[in-house]
Amino acid sequence: MIAIIGAGLGGLTLARILHVNGIEAVVYEADPSPTARTQGGMLDIHEDSGQQALRAAGLYDDFVRLILPGGESMRIYDQHAVLRLSHDHEGSGRPEVHRRDLRDLLLNSLPDGMIRWGSKVVDVSDGREVRLADGSSFTADLLVGADGAWSKVRPLVSAATPAYLGLSFAEVNLLDPDERHPESAALIGGGMMMALGDGRGFLAHREPDRLHVYAAVRMDAEWPAGDISKEALLAEFKGWDDRFLRLVQDADGELTPRAIHALPVGHRWSRVPGVTLLGDAAHLMSPFAGEGANLAMQDGAELAAALLAGPDTDTALAAYESALFPRAQASAAESAANLEISFAPDAPAGILDFFAGMG
């Protein structure tokens, strides 16, 4: 049996490609249902990775229908709301879709029963025996850890654990922005906005029904879970333009703290029979390369291709990992470098130079 632990984008991509090629697999997911949690925000899906994975899964045409028109545009401001860069990136090869819609596309492409919802893994032992929270257990012929940052499968192959990167986000939402928050909608525009300065920033996306905003602060210790107020957050942005402060003041609902963690750049492991990792379980990084979802889907597609090519499971896993490690290392290094320049004392100068170099 092939057991895929985790029903994120990478695990679902792997499951879909195996399914269409007649290979049975089971996906074990801790959430009790597909709607148990919100599924994040907008993703730019890259032509050479995420889109290729969707082509391999036979879902590319359906994906195209999910693209948010105008979502590729970008604005970069300094802390005084001076617009330093504005691009309409239509046709860049990185169209924007909502993570929820993309995940639903993958979920709906799988047959009933292939995903075992409410299957929370509590322990994985040598011999690929997996114990679930309900007391049941199973043993897999091939065990794939697609279970994210705090993977239960990873300890079978690696002692590495994610480290806090000294950057914490507070996630906020402004609902029905055109009617209720028109000034903020105009500030952000139709795609992505970054406002950066002196170790702080606002990172925002326009979504179909809301403005999805992260207020980011360089800090030695992350905010305690559930213990952040608008007042405490705004105190971190003293001297910033009022238009950015209103993104927090006018936010609807709770502020959600999200600390940024990463595995070591260049994380890799020695070959362990019948076990491998993909996505964040293999190469968790900060979001500043825009690669996380794309790499996860590419991992899923390339692992499926390796298994289909054979000639046996461990030869396939060795081939998959030999390509995975350098690819992930390059993206993780870029992510780490972009975090540093985005939150340097002279920001946004470094990120402006970065985009100028891409021009």
Foldseek 3Di string as FASTA:
>chain_A
DEEEEALALLSLLLCLLCVVVPHAYAYEYQAQDLPSDDFDFKAFAAQVFRLVSCVSSVNNVVVVVQFDPQAPWEWEAELQLDTDDTDRCVPVRGTMGTSSVSSVSSVVSDDPPRYDYNFAWDAADPQQWTAGPVGDIDHDQAYEFAPAQQTRQLVVWDPWHWDFPQKKKWKFKAWQCVPPPVLLCVSQDAHWYWYFAQQWIKIWTDDPTIIIIITMGRHPDFDDFPPDDLVNSVVRSPPGHVSVSVRSVNTPDDIGMDTAIWTDQLDDGDQDRRYDYAANSGTRAGCQLSCRSRRSSNLSSQLSVLCVVDPDNSVSVVVSRVVSRVVSNVSRVNRVVRVCCRRDNGPPPSVVVVVVVVD
